[in-house]
Amino acid sequence: MHIESATSSQLVEWEKELSVHYERICQHELSLDITRGKPSAEQLHLSDKLDGILATDYRAADGTDTRNYGGMTGLSCARALGADLLQVPTEEVMAGGNSSLTLMYHAVLTGYLFGFAGNVPWRALESPKFLCPVPGYDRHFTICEQLGIGMLAIPLGKGGPDMECVEKHVREDGDIIGIWCVPKYANPTGITYNRETVERLAQLGQIANPGFRIFWDNAYAVHDLGPSINLASIRAATLENDTVDSVLQFASTSKVTHAGSGIAFVSASSANLDSLKLQMQAMTIGPDKVNQLRHSRFFTECTTLEEHMHKHASILKPKFECVLEHLQNALGDSGMGQWEKPRGGYFVSFNTRPGCAKAVVGLAADAGVKLTPAGATFPYGNDPEDSNIRIAPSFPPLEELDTAMSVFVLCVQLASVRQRLAQCRNASG
């Protein structure tokens, strides 16, 4: 039954049935977590051959003793792995520690305090702001919020950010100094930017503040669930438009090998890399080159990157199918929500009826299922529609995920029926 076609008496009966079911589930004292996109133990096991792979041979192919200081930009073999992930030349890559988030934070801090490539530091502007396609990645927003950089929400469609809106803001406001982008299998919607969007983003450097930078967080560059979707090259597009300084690209092996001990990469023009290195030299004498060498050996002696990611996909695909099956079976054609069907990445984005997301998350929590807080996918945690919820299927075993999703769809039904019932009562009285 579509919720909008139900009569008041039908809604009353429906609410009673759902409430009884919900109370029974609450008595089970579940403790399930689908909040963050963490790899499962089964996925992490795929890279266990990293342990001991060096066998006391710590010299890289170029003769570098990886146990010692130095190598600010990382080992050449590690940079080559980053170049493979991002499809860029090795010389345009810097390899760092395990977290691309750390590199992104450092890059934002560099722009804010010192400026890129000789441009004015962002802090010197009256009101520096980032454009934030929404729904988006909460940790991007946290970086801006901590540094006091303003954020403007931009609608994210099936082909990428609303470029009319992006271009208008950039053209009219010289204090726009950046935009966050997750271009392939976006977090959380799973969409991939189309070619037109990539090309228009590459042209922003022609109309923006000279210090403007696109933060191209390609976290899911190789995280396909089936046949790979081709993402147009932002580097090629900036070369065509003479805007190569306007983009910083990021990736990591956090969801490729061991999440807590991987390698992160930033790719950029030589002018941007020089700016990053200049500030980084004050905070470190070099990255963990031993770990970088381990990864280089792993992907030459144990597996290829493509083979390795196929193994990840075989673990993840049934979990995504579980989520989508629950949503379709319980909520299809009900008017209670909308969702994407991602072809890769780590999340499923679900939109409740406007005004229901917080209620759903609260009901789920009381029933023992933890979800990412409603609003987390928007700057300042403010979802104006109170509708978006990010579902992360990767971490729990399939059986637990199945249980969590059965609770989730019940909570969506209960919150939706209660809201609609209240609307009907208000309208009649």
Protein backbone atom coordinates (compact mmCIF):
# COMPACT_ATOMS: atom_id res chain seq x y z
CA MET A 1 0.00 0.00 0.00
CA HIS A 2 1.25 3.49 -0.85
CA ILE A 3 1.27 5.54 2.31
CA GLU A 4 -0.41 8.54 0.68
CA SER A 5 -3.43 6.45 -0.36
CA ALA A 6 -4.05 4.97 3.11
CA THR A 7 -7.06 6.22 5.04
CA SER A 8 -6.83 7.37 8.64
CA SER A 9 -8.36 4.13 9.91
CA GLN A 10 -5.93 2.08 7.81
CA LEU A 11 -3.02 4.12 9.17
CA VAL A 12 -4.19 3.50 12.75
CA GLU A 13 -4.26 -0.27 12.21
CA TRP A 14 -0.96 -0.17 10.36
CA GLU A 15 0.70 1.74 13.18
CA LYS A 16 -0.57 -0.77 15.76
CA GLU A 17 0.81 -3.73 13.80
CA LEU A 18 4.17 -2.08 13.26
CA SER A 19 4.44 -1.01 16.90
CA VAL A 20 3.83 -4.57 18.14
CA HIS A 21 6.51 -5.88 15.79
CA TYR A 22 8.90 -3.14 16.86
CA GLU A 23 8.41 -3.81 20.59
CA ARG A 24 9.17 -7.49 20.05
CA ILE A 25 12.43 -6.64 18.30
CA CYS A 26 13.42 -4.25 21.10
CA GLN A 27 13.17 -7.14 23.53
CA HIS A 28 15.94 -8.99 21.66
CA GLU A 29 18.55 -6.47 22.91
CA LEU A 30 20.41 -6.34 19.61
CA SER A 31 23.76 -4.61 19.25
CA LEU A 32 24.43 -4.03 15.55
CA ASP A 33 26.44 -1.28 13.89
CA ILE A 34 26.16 -0.05 10.29
CA THR A 35 27.55 3.43 10.87
CA ARG A 36 30.94 3.64 9.13
CA GLY A 37 32.34 2.19 5.93
CA LYS A 38 34.95 -0.04 7.50
CA PRO A 39 36.28 -3.12 5.69
CA SER A 40 35.21 -6.40 7.25
CA ALA A 41 37.69 -8.81 8.80
CA GLU A 42 37.24 -11.03 5.73
CA GLN A 43 38.35 -8.15 3.51
CA LEU A 44 41.31 -7.32 5.73
CA HIS A 45 42.46 -10.94 5.58
CA LEU A 46 43.00 -10.52 1.83
CA SER A 47 46.13 -8.50 2.59
CA ASP A 48 47.62 -10.53 5.44
CA LYS A 49 50.61 -11.49 3.28
CA LEU A 50 51.88 -7.97 3.92
CA ASP A 51 53.09 -9.35 7.24
CA GLY A 52 56.64 -10.60 6.80
CA ILE A 53 56.79 -9.91 3.08
CA LEU A 54 60.05 -7.94 3.38
CA ALA A 55 61.88 -10.85 5.06
CA THR A 56 64.55 -8.44 6.42
CA ASP A 57 65.20 -6.99 2.92
CA TYR A 58 64.49 -3.32 3.52
CA ARG A 59 66.12 -1.88 0.40
CA ALA A 60 63.94 -0.50 -2.34
CA ALA A 61 64.76 -1.12 -5.99
CA ASP A 62 66.57 2.22 -6.19
CA GLY A 63 68.80 1.26 -3.24
CA THR A 64 66.98 3.32 -0.58
CA ASP A 65 67.28 1.88 2.93
CA THR A 66 63.65 2.29 3.97
CA ARG A 67 64.47 2.01 7.67
CA ASN A 68 66.12 5.41 7.70
CA TYR A 69 65.04 9.05 7.56
CA GLY A 70 64.23 11.03 4.42
CA GLY A 71 62.22 10.69 1.27
CA MET A 72 59.66 13.45 1.77
CA THR A 73 57.64 12.51 -1.31
CA GLY A 74 57.73 8.77 -0.59
CA LEU A 75 59.35 5.83 -2.34
CA SER A 76 59.18 5.86 -6.12
CA CYS A 77 57.56 2.39 -6.09
CA ALA A 78 54.86 3.63 -3.70
CA ARG A 79 54.29 6.74 -5.78
CA ALA A 80 53.85 4.45 -8.80
CA LEU A 81 51.07 2.63 -6.93
CA GLY A 82 49.36 5.96 -6.28
CA ALA A 83 49.78 6.89 -9.93
CA ASP A 84 48.06 3.62 -10.86
CA LEU A 85 45.13 4.37 -8.54
CA LEU A 86 44.69 7.93 -9.78
CA GLN A 87 45.78 7.42 -13.41
CA VAL A 88 48.39 10.18 -13.32
CA PRO A 89 52.16 10.36 -13.89
CA THR A 90 54.29 9.09 -11.01
CA GLU A 91 56.22 12.36 -10.78
CA GLU A 92 52.99 14.16 -9.87
CA VAL A 93 52.34 11.93 -6.82
CA MET A 94 53.41 12.21 -3.20
CA ALA A 95 53.03 9.08 -1.05
CA GLY A 96 52.42 9.50 2.66
CA GLY A 97 51.13 7.60 5.66
CA ASN A 98 48.00 5.53 6.05
CA SER A 99 45.39 8.30 5.84
CA SER A 100 44.33 10.40 2.85
CA LEU A 101 42.26 12.40 5.34
CA THR A 102 45.53 13.50 6.96
CA LEU A 103 46.85 14.67 3.59
CA MET A 104 43.58 16.49 2.89
CA TYR A 105 43.71 18.21 6.26
CA HIS A 106 47.33 19.21 5.63
CA ALA A 107 46.41 20.56 2.19
CA VAL A 108 43.52 22.62 3.54
CA LEU A 109 45.74 23.91 6.33
CA THR A 110 48.42 24.85 3.78
CA GLY A 111 45.91 26.80 1.71
CA TYR A 112 44.46 28.46 4.79
CA LEU A 113 47.71 29.49 6.47
CA PHE A 114 50.13 29.96 3.58
CA GLY A 115 48.31 29.76 0.24
CA PHE A 116 49.13 27.57 -2.76
CA ALA A 117 51.65 28.39 -5.48
CA GLY A 118 52.27 31.93 -4.25
CA ASN A 119 48.58 32.85 -3.98
CA VAL A 120 47.07 34.76 -1.06
CA PRO A 121 46.41 32.57 2.03
CA TRP A 122 42.73 31.85 2.46
CA ARG A 123 42.76 33.30 5.99
CA ALA A 124 43.46 36.72 4.46
CA LEU A 125 40.07 36.69 2.75
CA GLU A 126 37.05 38.24 4.42
CA SER A 127 34.98 35.04 4.47
CA PRO A 128 36.68 31.98 2.93
CA LYS A 129 34.20 29.26 1.92
CA PHE A 130 34.11 25.76 0.46
CA LEU A 131 31.35 24.45 -1.78
CA CYS A 132 30.04 21.15 -0.45
CA PRO A 133 27.98 18.86 -2.71
CA VAL A 134 25.31 17.20 -0.56
CA PRO A 135 24.74 14.65 0.66
CA GLY A 136 28.48 14.32 1.21
CA TYR A 137 31.29 13.05 3.43
CA ASP A 138 31.06 14.27 7.02
CA ARG A 139 34.82 14.30 7.61
CA HIS A 140 35.31 16.80 4.79
CA PHE A 141 32.89 19.09 6.55
CA THR A 142 34.65 18.59 9.89
CA ILE A 143 37.93 19.89 8.43
CA CYS A 144 36.29 23.11 7.29
CA GLU A 145 34.33 23.54 10.48
CA GLN A 146 37.40 23.13 12.68
CA LEU A 147 39.32 25.78 10.73
CA GLY A 148 36.39 28.18 10.61
CA ILE A 149 36.03 27.91 6.82
CA GLY A 150 32.44 28.52 5.76
CA MET A 151 30.49 25.89 3.84
CA LEU A 152 27.81 26.26 1.18
CA ALA A 153 25.70 23.21 0.36
CA ILE A 154 25.40 22.38 -3.36
CA PRO A 155 22.84 19.86 -4.67
CA LEU A 156 24.38 16.61 -5.89
CA GLY A 157 22.59 14.97 -8.80
CA LYS A 158 23.09 11.70 -10.64
CA GLY A 159 25.88 13.19 -12.78
CA GLY A 160 27.64 15.20 -10.10
CA PRO A 161 27.25 18.60 -8.42
CA ASP A 162 24.76 21.11 -9.82
CA MET A 163 27.25 22.94 -12.01
CA GLU A 164 24.98 25.91 -12.69
CA CYS A 165 24.93 26.50 -8.94
CA VAL A 166 28.68 25.87 -8.58
CA GLU A 167 29.63 28.24 -11.38
CA LYS A 168 27.30 30.96 -10.12
CA HIS A 169 28.86 30.90 -6.64
CA VAL A 170 32.42 30.82 -7.99
CA ARG A 171 31.77 33.64 -10.44
CA GLU A 172 30.02 35.91 -7.95
CA ASP A 173 31.98 35.28 -4.74
CA GLY A 174 35.75 35.67 -4.71
CA ASP A 175 35.86 34.15 -1.23
CA ILE A 176 34.97 30.70 -2.61
CA ILE A 177 38.30 28.94 -2.24
CA GLY A 178 37.48 25.25 -2.66
CA ILE A 179 35.03 22.49 -3.43
CA TRP A 180 34.91 18.96 -2.03
CA CYS A 181 34.42 16.21 -4.61
CA VAL A 182 34.12 12.43 -4.27
CA PRO A 183 33.91 11.83 -8.02
CA LYS A 184 33.55 8.07 -8.28
CA TYR A 185 30.95 6.17 -6.24
CA ALA A 186 30.36 9.30 -4.18
CA ASN A 187 30.02 9.04 -0.42
CA PRO A 188 27.17 8.37 0.28
CA THR A 189 25.09 8.37 -2.92
CA GLY A 190 27.34 6.10 -5.01
CA ILE A 191 26.99 8.24 -8.14
CA THR A 192 29.91 8.84 -10.52
CA TYR A 193 30.51 12.27 -12.06
CA ASN A 194 29.80 12.35 -15.79
CA ARG A 195 32.21 13.74 -18.37
CA GLU A 196 30.43 17.07 -18.73
CA THR A 197 30.65 17.69 -14.98
CA VAL A 198 34.36 16.84 -14.90
CA GLU A 199 35.04 19.18 -17.80
CA ARG A 200 33.06 22.03 -16.24
CA LEU A 201 34.84 21.56 -12.93
CA ALA A 202 38.17 21.76 -14.75
CA GLN A 203 37.12 25.13 -16.18
CA LEU A 204 36.45 26.68 -12.76
CA GLY A 205 40.07 27.78 -12.47
CA GLN A 206 39.39 30.24 -15.30
CA ILE A 207 36.75 32.17 -13.31
CA ALA A 208 37.64 31.49 -9.66
CA ASN A 209 39.88 33.17 -7.12
CA PRO A 210 43.47 32.21 -8.15
CA GLY A 211 43.83 30.37 -4.84
CA PHE A 212 40.73 28.22 -5.51
CA ARG A 213 41.31 24.46 -5.32
CA ILE A 214 39.23 21.40 -6.17
CA PHE A 215 39.73 18.68 -3.55
CA TRP A 216 39.26 15.54 -5.66
CA ASP A 217 38.89 12.77 -3.07
CA ASN A 218 38.95 9.70 -5.31
CA ALA A 219 38.60 7.32 -2.36
CA TYR A 220 36.74 4.66 -4.38
CA ALA A 221 38.73 4.82 -7.61
CA VAL A 222 39.03 1.01 -7.87
CA HIS A 223 36.14 -0.09 -5.64
CA ASP A 224 33.82 -1.55 -8.25
CA LEU A 225 31.16 -4.12 -7.44
CA GLY A 226 30.97 -5.24 -11.07
CA PRO A 227 32.24 -3.87 -14.39
CA SER A 228 34.18 -0.69 -13.76
CA ILE A 229 32.60 2.68 -14.49
CA ASN A 230 34.93 5.03 -16.33
CA LEU A 231 35.55 8.36 -14.61
CA ALA A 232 36.76 11.10 -16.93
CA SER A 233 40.24 12.37 -16.08
CA ILE A 234 40.20 15.65 -14.20
CA ARG A 235 43.92 16.00 -14.93
CA ALA A 236 43.40 15.74 -18.68
CA ALA A 237 40.56 18.24 -18.48
CA THR A 238 42.66 20.78 -16.56
CA LEU A 239 45.51 20.40 -19.05
CA GLU A 240 43.09 21.26 -21.86
CA ASN A 241 41.86 24.33 -19.96
CA ASP A 242 45.22 25.51 -18.59
CA THR A 243 43.97 25.09 -15.01
CA VAL A 244 46.31 22.36 -13.73
CA ASP A 245 46.98 24.24 -10.48
CA SER A 246 43.27 24.20 -9.56
CA VAL A 247 43.10 20.50 -8.58
CA LEU A 248 44.50 18.33 -5.79
CA GLN A 249 43.70 14.61 -6.12
CA PHE A 250 43.69 12.15 -3.21
CA ALA A 251 43.52 8.37 -2.81
CA SER A 252 44.68 5.68 -0.41
CA THR A 253 44.87 1.94 0.18
CA SER A 254 42.75 2.24 3.33
CA LYS A 255 39.98 0.13 1.79
CA VAL A 256 42.37 -1.84 -0.42
CA THR A 257 44.81 -3.44 2.04
CA HIS A 258 44.86 -2.97 5.83
CA ALA A 259 42.77 0.08 6.63
CA GLY A 260 44.81 1.16 9.64
CA SER A 261 48.23 0.72 8.05
CA GLY A 262 47.96 1.60 4.39
CA ILE A 263 49.42 4.35 2.21
CA ALA A 264 47.83 7.63 1.16
CA PHE A 265 48.53 9.69 -1.95
CA VAL A 266 48.13 13.24 -3.17
CA SER A 267 48.60 14.13 -6.83
CA ALA A 268 48.94 17.70 -8.00
CA SER A 269 50.86 20.11 -10.20
CA SER A 270 54.49 20.76 -9.36
CA ALA A 271 53.58 24.19 -7.95
CA ASN A 272 51.01 22.69 -5.59
CA LEU A 273 53.29 19.84 -4.53
CA ASP A 274 56.06 22.34 -3.80
CA SER A 275 53.67 24.26 -1.52
CA LEU A 276 52.72 21.08 0.32
CA LYS A 277 56.33 19.92 0.68
CA LEU A 278 57.49 23.31 1.97
CA GLN A 279 55.07 23.12 4.90
CA MET A 280 55.47 19.37 5.43
CA GLN A 281 59.23 19.73 5.90
CA ALA A 282 58.50 21.56 9.15
CA MET A 283 56.43 18.69 10.56
CA THR A 284 58.13 15.48 9.41
CA ILE A 285 61.40 14.02 8.19
CA GLY A 286 59.62 11.56 5.94
CA PRO A 287 56.84 8.95 5.80
CA ASP A 288 56.88 5.29 6.82
CA LYS A 289 58.89 3.96 3.90
CA VAL A 290 59.01 0.42 5.31
CA ASN A 291 55.25 0.19 4.96
CA GLN A 292 55.41 1.74 1.51
CA LEU A 293 57.90 -0.94 0.47
CA ARG A 294 55.66 -3.66 1.91
CA HIS A 295 52.81 -2.49 -0.27
CA SER A 296 54.97 -2.27 -3.35
CA ARG A 297 56.15 -5.85 -2.87
CA PHE A 298 52.63 -7.08 -2.11
CA PHE A 299 51.30 -5.80 -5.43
CA THR A 300 54.18 -7.22 -7.41
CA GLU A 301 54.77 -10.56 -5.68
CA CYS A 302 51.34 -11.59 -4.33
CA THR A 303 48.66 -10.10 -6.54
CA THR A 304 47.77 -7.34 -8.96
CA LEU A 305 45.63 -4.41 -7.90
CA GLU A 306 42.84 -5.50 -10.25
CA GLU A 307 42.83 -9.10 -8.99
CA HIS A 308 42.87 -7.90 -5.41
CA MET A 309 39.89 -5.60 -5.88
CA HIS A 310 37.89 -8.38 -7.56
CA LYS A 311 38.26 -10.32 -4.30
CA HIS A 312 36.94 -7.35 -2.35
CA ALA A 313 33.98 -7.09 -4.69
CA SER A 314 33.08 -10.75 -4.21
CA ILE A 315 32.79 -10.10 -0.46
CA LEU A 316 30.97 -6.77 -0.71
CA LYS A 317 28.49 -7.49 -3.50
CA PRO A 318 26.25 -9.87 -1.50
CA LYS A 319 26.06 -7.27 1.27
CA PHE A 320 24.91 -4.53 -1.07
CA GLU A 321 22.41 -6.95 -2.58
CA CYS A 322 21.10 -7.69 0.92
CA VAL A 323 20.55 -3.98 1.63
CA LEU A 324 18.85 -3.30 -1.69
CA GLU A 325 16.65 -6.40 -1.42
CA HIS A 326 15.36 -5.34 2.00
CA LEU A 327 14.65 -1.82 0.78
CA GLN A 328 12.82 -3.00 -2.32
CA ASN A 329 10.80 -5.75 -0.63
CA ALA A 330 9.68 -3.62 2.31
CA LEU A 331 9.56 -0.13 0.86
CA GLY A 332 9.24 -0.39 -2.91
CA ASP A 333 6.29 1.68 -4.20
CA SER A 334 5.34 2.56 -0.61
CA GLY A 335 6.10 6.27 -0.76
CA MET A 336 8.23 5.89 2.35
CA GLY A 337 11.63 6.49 0.84
CA GLN A 338 14.00 6.65 -2.10
CA TRP A 339 17.45 5.16 -2.52
CA GLU A 340 20.33 4.78 -4.94
CA LYS A 341 21.59 1.48 -6.37
CA PRO A 342 25.35 2.00 -6.36
CA ARG A 343 27.66 0.06 -8.65
CA GLY A 344 30.62 0.48 -6.33
CA GLY A 345 31.96 2.25 -3.27
CA TYR A 346 30.95 1.62 0.32
CA PHE A 347 27.53 3.11 0.97
CA VAL A 348 23.84 3.15 0.14
CA SER A 349 22.16 6.54 0.44
CA PHE A 350 18.55 6.42 1.63
CA ASN A 351 16.10 9.32 1.74
CA THR A 352 13.10 9.04 4.03
CA ARG A 353 9.99 11.14 3.66
CA PRO A 354 10.95 14.72 4.59
CA GLY A 355 11.08 15.08 8.35
CA CYS A 356 11.57 11.40 9.19
CA ALA A 357 15.32 10.71 9.18
CA LYS A 358 15.98 11.61 12.83
CA ALA A 359 12.97 9.59 13.91
CA VAL A 360 14.18 6.56 11.98
CA VAL A 361 17.70 6.78 13.40
CA GLY A 362 16.28 7.15 16.92
CA LEU A 363 13.94 4.17 16.56
CA ALA A 364 16.76 2.04 15.16
CA ALA A 365 19.07 3.00 18.03
CA ASP A 366 16.45 2.02 20.60
CA ALA A 367 16.09 -1.31 18.82
CA GLY A 368 19.85 -1.93 18.95
CA VAL A 369 20.92 -0.84 15.44
CA LYS A 370 23.38 2.06 15.22
CA LEU A 371 23.27 4.30 12.14
CA THR A 372 25.25 7.38 11.17
CA PRO A 373 23.46 10.37 12.77
CA ALA A 374 20.80 11.96 10.61
CA GLY A 375 22.20 15.15 9.12
CA ALA A 376 25.81 13.93 9.16
CA THR A 377 25.97 14.04 5.36
CA PHE A 378 25.36 17.81 5.37
CA PRO A 379 27.54 20.73 6.53
CA TYR A 380 27.10 21.50 10.23
CA GLY A 381 24.96 18.35 10.53
CA ASN A 382 22.01 20.29 9.15
CA ASP A 383 19.92 18.38 6.63
CA PRO A 384 17.15 20.89 5.84
CA GLU A 385 14.82 18.10 4.71
CA ASP A 386 15.72 15.78 7.62
CA SER A 387 15.65 12.92 5.13
CA ASN A 388 19.10 11.51 4.29
CA ILE A 389 20.51 8.42 6.02
CA ARG A 390 23.78 6.74 5.06
CA ILE A 391 23.83 2.94 5.24
CA ALA A 392 27.24 1.24 5.48
CA PRO A 393 26.97 -2.48 4.63
CA SER A 394 30.65 -3.47 4.57
CA PHE A 395 31.65 -4.22 8.16
CA PRO A 396 29.10 -6.63 9.72
CA PRO A 397 28.84 -10.29 8.69
CA LEU A 398 26.06 -10.90 6.18
CA GLU A 399 23.77 -12.52 8.77
CA GLU A 400 24.05 -9.50 11.09
CA LEU A 401 23.53 -7.11 8.19
CA ASP A 402 20.39 -8.99 7.23
CA THR A 403 19.04 -8.56 10.77
CA ALA A 404 20.05 -4.89 10.89
CA MET A 405 18.27 -4.17 7.61
CA SER A 406 15.09 -5.90 8.74
CA VAL A 407 15.09 -3.56 11.74
CA PHE A 408 15.93 -0.55 9.59
CA VAL A 409 13.04 -0.99 7.15
CA LEU A 410 10.64 -1.57 10.05
CA CYS A 411 11.79 1.71 11.61
CA VAL A 412 11.28 3.52 8.30
CA GLN A 413 7.75 2.10 8.06
CA LEU A 414 6.89 2.98 11.65
CA ALA A 415 8.28 6.54 11.47
CA SER A 416 6.55 7.13 8.13
CA VAL A 417 3.16 5.84 9.24
CA ARG A 418 3.29 7.82 12.48
CA GLN A 419 4.18 10.99 10.59
CA ARG A 420 1.43 10.48 8.02
CA LEU A 421 -1.11 9.68 10.74
CA ALA A 422 -0.22 12.91 12.55
CA GLN A 423 -0.60 14.85 9.31
CA CYS A 424 -4.06 13.37 8.73
CA ARG A 425 -5.17 14.19 12.28
CA ASN A 426 -3.89 17.74 11.99
CA ALA A 427 -5.69 18.19 8.68
CA SER A 428 -8.97 16.97 10.12
CA GLY A 429 -8.89 18.79 13.34
